[in-house]
Amino acid sequence: MDTLPIPVKNAMRKFGSDIRDARLRRRIPVAVMAQRAFISRTTLAKLEKGDPGVAMGTYAAVLFALGMIDKLRELASARSDEIGLALDEERLPKRIEIRPRRAAKAPTRK
């Protein structure tokens, strides 16, 4: 975790903490959550601390067990990519030229 940028570390910690809070709001014990996500209690503890060494699939399994997998599905969707949408808008043509159609040539017979 020492090589990660500080904003990434902070985001991972918050993500883990938010997952823990969601589990607690649902009153799901650690052992039950670990069983539902097919992981060990140790891995769940690491995940809830925001450990970046925990596999993305494990985070997804826990979100699924919490009924929150749709949040992951939308995480990097085009609709929420403000920078990408702005860049696409910049690339739009300023005007569109309408060119006359060429008449199709009739096939020649030999």
N, C-alpha and C. Protein backbone atom coordinates (compact mmCIF):
# COMPACT_ATOMS: atom_id res chain seq x y z
N MET A 1 0.83 -1.20 0.00
CA MET A 1 0.00 0.00 0.00
C MET A 1 0.87 1.25 0.00
N ASP A 2 2.15 1.11 0.25
CA ASP A 2 3.04 2.27 0.28
C ASP A 2 3.23 2.90 -1.09
N THR A 3 3.05 2.13 -2.16
CA THR A 3 3.28 2.66 -3.50
C THR A 3 2.04 3.33 -4.09
N LEU A 4 0.92 3.23 -3.44
CA LEU A 4 -0.31 3.84 -3.96
C LEU A 4 -0.38 5.32 -3.63
N PRO A 5 -0.94 6.12 -4.53
CA PRO A 5 -1.14 7.54 -4.22
C PRO A 5 -2.09 7.70 -3.02
N ILE A 6 -1.87 8.73 -2.26
CA ILE A 6 -2.67 8.97 -1.05
C ILE A 6 -4.17 9.02 -1.35
N PRO A 7 -4.62 9.69 -2.44
CA PRO A 7 -6.07 9.69 -2.71
C PRO A 7 -6.62 8.27 -2.95
N VAL A 8 -5.81 7.40 -3.54
CA VAL A 8 -6.24 6.02 -3.76
C VAL A 8 -6.36 5.29 -2.43
N LYS A 9 -5.38 5.47 -1.56
CA LYS A 9 -5.43 4.85 -0.23
C LYS A 9 -6.68 5.31 0.53
N ASN A 10 -6.93 6.61 0.48
CA ASN A 10 -8.10 7.16 1.18
C ASN A 10 -9.40 6.62 0.62
N ALA A 11 -9.48 6.52 -0.71
CA ALA A 11 -10.70 6.00 -1.34
C ALA A 11 -10.92 4.54 -0.97
N MET A 12 -9.85 3.74 -0.93
CA MET A 12 -9.97 2.33 -0.57
C MET A 12 -10.41 2.18 0.89
N ARG A 13 -9.85 2.99 1.77
CA ARG A 13 -10.25 2.94 3.18
C ARG A 13 -11.73 3.28 3.34
N LYS A 14 -12.16 4.33 2.63
CA LYS A 14 -13.57 4.73 2.71
C LYS A 14 -14.46 3.64 2.13
N PHE A 15 -14.06 3.04 1.02
CA PHE A 15 -14.84 1.97 0.40
C PHE A 15 -15.01 0.81 1.37
N GLY A 16 -13.92 0.40 1.98
CA GLY A 16 -13.97 -0.69 2.97
C GLY A 16 -14.84 -0.33 4.15
N SER A 17 -14.70 0.89 4.63
CA SER A 17 -15.50 1.34 5.77
C SER A 17 -16.99 1.40 5.41
N ASP A 18 -17.28 1.85 4.20
CA ASP A 18 -18.68 1.91 3.75
C ASP A 18 -19.28 0.51 3.64
N ILE A 19 -18.47 -0.45 3.17
CA ILE A 19 -18.95 -1.83 3.10
C ILE A 19 -19.22 -2.36 4.50
N ARG A 20 -18.32 -2.07 5.44
CA ARG A 20 -18.52 -2.50 6.83
C ARG A 20 -19.80 -1.89 7.39
N ASP A 21 -20.00 -0.59 7.16
CA ASP A 21 -21.21 0.08 7.64
C ASP A 21 -22.47 -0.55 7.05
N ALA A 22 -22.42 -0.89 5.75
CA ALA A 22 -23.58 -1.52 5.10
C ALA A 22 -23.86 -2.88 5.74
N ARG A 23 -22.81 -3.62 6.06
CA ARG A 23 -22.99 -4.92 6.71
C ARG A 23 -23.61 -4.75 8.09
N LEU A 24 -23.13 -3.77 8.83
CA LEU A 24 -23.65 -3.53 10.18
C LEU A 24 -25.10 -3.04 10.15
N ARG A 25 -25.43 -2.17 9.17
CA ARG A 25 -26.81 -1.71 9.06
C ARG A 25 -27.76 -2.87 8.82
N ARG A 26 -27.27 -3.89 8.13
CA ARG A 26 -28.08 -5.08 7.85
C ARG A 26 -28.02 -6.10 8.99
N ARG A 27 -27.22 -5.78 9.99
CA ARG A 27 -27.06 -6.66 11.16
C ARG A 27 -26.55 -8.05 10.75
N ILE A 28 -25.59 -8.06 9.83
CA ILE A 28 -25.01 -9.33 9.38
C ILE A 28 -23.68 -9.54 10.10
N PRO A 29 -23.55 -10.63 10.86
CA PRO A 29 -22.29 -10.91 11.53
C PRO A 29 -21.17 -11.21 10.53
N VAL A 30 -19.94 -10.98 10.96
CA VAL A 30 -18.76 -11.22 10.11
C VAL A 30 -18.76 -12.64 9.55
N ALA A 31 -19.00 -13.61 10.39
CA ALA A 31 -18.96 -15.02 9.96
C ALA A 31 -19.99 -15.30 8.87
N VAL A 32 -21.17 -14.73 9.02
CA VAL A 32 -22.24 -14.95 8.04
C VAL A 32 -21.89 -14.27 6.72
N MET A 33 -21.38 -13.04 6.80
CA MET A 33 -21.00 -12.33 5.57
C MET A 33 -19.89 -13.05 4.84
N ALA A 34 -18.91 -13.51 5.58
CA ALA A 34 -17.81 -14.24 4.96
C ALA A 34 -18.31 -15.50 4.27
N GLN A 35 -19.22 -16.19 4.91
CA GLN A 35 -19.79 -17.40 4.33
C GLN A 35 -20.58 -17.08 3.06
N ARG A 36 -21.37 -16.04 3.10
CA ARG A 36 -22.18 -15.66 1.93
C ARG A 36 -21.32 -15.24 0.74
N ALA A 37 -20.16 -14.64 1.02
CA ALA A 37 -19.27 -14.17 -0.04
C ALA A 37 -18.21 -15.23 -0.40
N PHE A 38 -18.25 -16.38 0.28
CA PHE A 38 -17.30 -17.48 0.04
C PHE A 38 -15.85 -17.04 0.27
N ILE A 39 -15.64 -16.29 1.36
CA ILE A 39 -14.30 -15.85 1.73
C ILE A 39 -14.09 -16.12 3.21
N SER A 40 -12.84 -15.95 3.65
CA SER A 40 -12.56 -16.15 5.08
C SER A 40 -12.89 -14.87 5.85
N ARG A 41 -13.02 -15.02 7.15
CA ARG A 41 -13.26 -13.85 8.00
C ARG A 41 -12.06 -12.92 7.96
N THR A 42 -10.86 -13.47 7.82
CA THR A 42 -9.65 -12.64 7.73
C THR A 42 -9.70 -11.77 6.48
N THR A 43 -10.10 -12.37 5.35
CA THR A 43 -10.19 -11.60 4.10
C THR A 43 -11.25 -10.52 4.22
N LEU A 44 -12.37 -10.82 4.85
CA LEU A 44 -13.41 -9.82 5.05
C LEU A 44 -12.88 -8.67 5.91
N ALA A 45 -12.13 -8.98 6.93
CA ALA A 45 -11.55 -7.94 7.78
C ALA A 45 -10.62 -7.04 6.96
N LYS A 46 -9.80 -7.63 6.10
CA LYS A 46 -8.90 -6.84 5.24
C LYS A 46 -9.72 -5.96 4.30
N LEU A 47 -10.75 -6.54 3.72
CA LEU A 47 -11.60 -5.80 2.79
C LEU A 47 -12.24 -4.60 3.48
N GLU A 48 -12.75 -4.81 4.68
CA GLU A 48 -13.41 -3.72 5.41
C GLU A 48 -12.44 -2.65 5.87
N LYS A 49 -11.14 -2.95 5.86
CA LYS A 49 -10.12 -1.94 6.16
C LYS A 49 -9.66 -1.24 4.89
N GLY A 50 -10.14 -1.73 3.73
CA GLY A 50 -9.76 -1.11 2.46
C GLY A 50 -8.44 -1.59 1.92
N ASP A 51 -8.04 -2.79 2.28
CA ASP A 51 -6.77 -3.35 1.81
C ASP A 51 -6.81 -3.51 0.29
N PRO A 52 -5.90 -2.83 -0.45
CA PRO A 52 -5.91 -2.93 -1.91
C PRO A 52 -5.41 -4.28 -2.41
N GLY A 53 -4.86 -5.10 -1.54
CA GLY A 53 -4.40 -6.42 -1.93
C GLY A 53 -5.53 -7.43 -2.05
N VAL A 54 -6.72 -7.07 -1.61
CA VAL A 54 -7.88 -7.94 -1.73
C VAL A 54 -8.36 -7.86 -3.17
N ALA A 55 -8.62 -9.01 -3.78
CA ALA A 55 -9.01 -9.07 -5.18
C ALA A 55 -10.32 -8.33 -5.45
N MET A 56 -10.39 -7.74 -6.62
CA MET A 56 -11.60 -7.02 -7.02
C MET A 56 -12.82 -7.94 -7.00
N GLY A 57 -12.62 -9.19 -7.38
CA GLY A 57 -13.72 -10.16 -7.37
C GLY A 57 -14.27 -10.38 -5.98
N THR A 58 -13.40 -10.28 -4.99
CA THR A 58 -13.84 -10.43 -3.60
C THR A 58 -14.71 -9.25 -3.19
N TYR A 59 -14.28 -8.05 -3.57
CA TYR A 59 -15.11 -6.87 -3.30
C TYR A 59 -16.48 -7.05 -3.97
N ALA A 60 -16.48 -7.55 -5.22
CA ALA A 60 -17.73 -7.75 -5.95
C ALA A 60 -18.61 -8.78 -5.26
N ALA A 61 -18.01 -9.86 -4.75
CA ALA A 61 -18.79 -10.90 -4.07
C ALA A 61 -19.45 -10.35 -2.81
N VAL A 62 -18.75 -9.52 -2.09
CA VAL A 62 -19.31 -8.93 -0.87
C VAL A 62 -20.43 -7.95 -1.22
N LEU A 63 -20.21 -7.14 -2.26
CA LEU A 63 -21.28 -6.23 -2.68
C LEU A 63 -22.51 -7.00 -3.13
N PHE A 64 -22.31 -8.12 -3.80
CA PHE A 64 -23.43 -8.97 -4.21
C PHE A 64 -24.18 -9.49 -2.98
N ALA A 65 -23.42 -9.95 -1.99
CA ALA A 65 -24.03 -10.48 -0.77
C ALA A 65 -24.82 -9.40 -0.02
N LEU A 66 -24.41 -8.15 -0.19
CA LEU A 66 -25.11 -7.03 0.45
C LEU A 66 -26.27 -6.51 -0.40
N GLY A 67 -26.41 -7.04 -1.61
CA GLY A 67 -27.45 -6.55 -2.51
C GLY A 67 -27.09 -5.22 -3.15
N MET A 68 -25.79 -4.97 -3.30
CA MET A 68 -25.33 -3.69 -3.83
C MET A 68 -24.50 -3.84 -5.11
N ILE A 69 -24.62 -4.96 -5.81
CA ILE A 69 -23.79 -5.19 -6.98
C ILE A 69 -24.08 -4.19 -8.09
N ASP A 70 -25.28 -3.64 -8.15
CA ASP A 70 -25.60 -2.65 -9.18
C ASP A 70 -24.72 -1.41 -9.05
N LYS A 71 -24.32 -1.08 -7.84
CA LYS A 71 -23.44 0.07 -7.63
C LYS A 71 -22.10 -0.15 -8.33
N LEU A 72 -21.59 -1.35 -8.27
CA LEU A 72 -20.33 -1.68 -8.92
C LEU A 72 -20.49 -1.63 -10.44
N ARG A 73 -21.61 -2.14 -10.92
CA ARG A 73 -21.87 -2.17 -12.36
C ARG A 73 -21.85 -0.76 -12.95
N GLU A 74 -22.30 0.22 -12.19
CA GLU A 74 -22.39 1.60 -12.69
C GLU A 74 -21.16 2.45 -12.37
N LEU A 75 -20.21 1.89 -11.66
CA LEU A 75 -19.07 2.67 -11.16
C LEU A 75 -18.34 3.45 -12.24
N ALA A 76 -18.01 2.82 -13.35
CA ALA A 76 -17.25 3.49 -14.41
C ALA A 76 -18.07 3.59 -15.69
N SER A 77 -19.38 3.64 -15.57
CA SER A 77 -20.21 3.70 -16.77
C SER A 77 -20.00 5.03 -17.49
N ALA A 78 -20.28 5.02 -18.76
CA ALA A 78 -20.10 6.22 -19.58
C ALA A 78 -20.96 7.38 -19.06
N ARG A 79 -22.12 7.05 -18.53
CA ARG A 79 -23.02 8.11 -18.04
C ARG A 79 -22.42 8.88 -16.86
N SER A 80 -21.55 8.25 -16.09
CA SER A 80 -20.97 8.94 -14.94
C SER A 80 -19.54 9.41 -15.21
N ASP A 81 -19.07 9.30 -16.44
CA ASP A 81 -17.71 9.71 -16.80
C ASP A 81 -17.74 11.15 -17.32
N GLU A 82 -17.72 12.09 -16.41
CA GLU A 82 -17.84 13.50 -16.78
C GLU A 82 -16.72 13.96 -17.68
N ILE A 83 -15.50 13.55 -17.40
CA ILE A 83 -14.35 13.96 -18.22
C ILE A 83 -14.47 13.37 -19.62
N GLY A 84 -14.77 12.08 -19.69
CA GLY A 84 -14.92 11.43 -20.99
C GLY A 84 -16.03 12.05 -21.81
N LEU A 85 -17.15 12.37 -21.17
CA LEU A 85 -18.26 13.00 -21.88
C LEU A 85 -17.87 14.39 -22.38
N ALA A 86 -17.13 15.13 -21.57
CA ALA A 86 -16.68 16.47 -21.99
C ALA A 86 -15.71 16.37 -23.17
N LEU A 87 -14.81 15.39 -23.13
CA LEU A 87 -13.88 15.20 -24.24
C LEU A 87 -14.62 14.82 -25.52
N ASP A 88 -15.62 13.95 -25.41
CA ASP A 88 -16.43 13.58 -26.57
C ASP A 88 -17.13 14.80 -27.15
N GLU A 89 -17.64 15.65 -26.28
CA GLU A 89 -18.35 16.84 -26.73
C GLU A 89 -17.42 17.79 -27.47
N GLU A 90 -16.17 17.90 -27.00
CA GLU A 90 -15.18 18.75 -27.67
C GLU A 90 -14.88 18.26 -29.08
N ARG A 91 -14.95 16.95 -29.29
CA ARG A 91 -14.62 16.35 -30.59
C ARG A 91 -15.78 16.40 -31.58
N LEU A 92 -16.95 16.83 -31.14
CA LEU A 92 -18.07 16.91 -32.05
C LEU A 92 -17.77 17.93 -33.15
N PRO A 93 -18.22 17.67 -34.38
CA PRO A 93 -17.95 18.63 -35.46
C PRO A 93 -18.72 19.92 -35.22
N LYS A 94 -18.13 21.01 -35.64
CA LYS A 94 -18.77 22.32 -35.47
C LYS A 94 -19.93 22.47 -36.46
N ARG A 95 -19.78 21.88 -37.65
CA ARG A 95 -20.86 21.90 -38.62
C ARG A 95 -20.79 20.62 -39.44
N ILE A 96 -21.90 20.33 -40.03
CA ILE A 96 -21.98 19.11 -40.84
C ILE A 96 -22.30 19.52 -42.26
N GLU A 97 -21.47 19.05 -43.20
CA GLU A 97 -21.69 19.34 -44.62
C GLU A 97 -22.52 18.23 -45.23
N ILE A 98 -23.48 18.64 -46.02
CA ILE A 98 -24.28 17.66 -46.74
C ILE A 98 -23.77 17.65 -48.17
N ARG A 99 -23.23 16.55 -48.58
CA ARG A 99 -22.69 16.41 -49.93
C ARG A 99 -23.75 15.78 -50.82
N PRO A 100 -23.84 16.24 -52.06
CA PRO A 100 -24.80 15.62 -52.97
C PRO A 100 -24.40 14.18 -53.25
N ARG A 101 -25.40 13.33 -53.37
CA ARG A 101 -25.13 11.92 -53.65
C ARG A 101 -24.72 11.76 -55.10
N ARG A 102 -23.81 10.85 -55.31
CA ARG A 102 -23.44 10.51 -56.67
C ARG A 102 -24.44 9.50 -57.20
N ALA A 103 -24.73 9.66 -58.47
CA ALA A 103 -25.65 8.69 -59.09
C ALA A 103 -24.93 7.36 -59.21
N ALA A 104 -25.62 6.31 -58.87
CA ALA A 104 -25.03 4.97 -58.96
C ALA A 104 -24.85 4.61 -60.41
N LYS A 105 -23.70 4.06 -60.73
CA LYS A 105 -23.41 3.66 -62.10
C LYS A 105 -24.12 2.33 -62.38
N ALA A 106 -24.70 2.27 -63.55
CA ALA A 106 -25.34 1.03 -63.96
C ALA A 106 -24.27 0.01 -64.35
N PRO A 107 -24.47 -1.25 -64.00
CA PRO A 107 -23.46 -2.23 -64.35
C PRO A 107 -23.36 -2.38 -65.86
N THR A 108 -22.15 -2.52 -66.33
CA THR A 108 -21.92 -2.68 -67.77
C THR A 108 -21.96 -4.14 -68.13
N ARG A 109 -22.55 -4.42 -69.31
CA ARG A 109 -22.63 -5.79 -69.79
C ARG A 109 -21.65 -5.97 -70.93
N LYS A 110 -21.11 -7.14 -71.00
CA LYS A 110 -20.14 -7.44 -72.04
C LYS A 110 -20.73 -8.25 -73.13
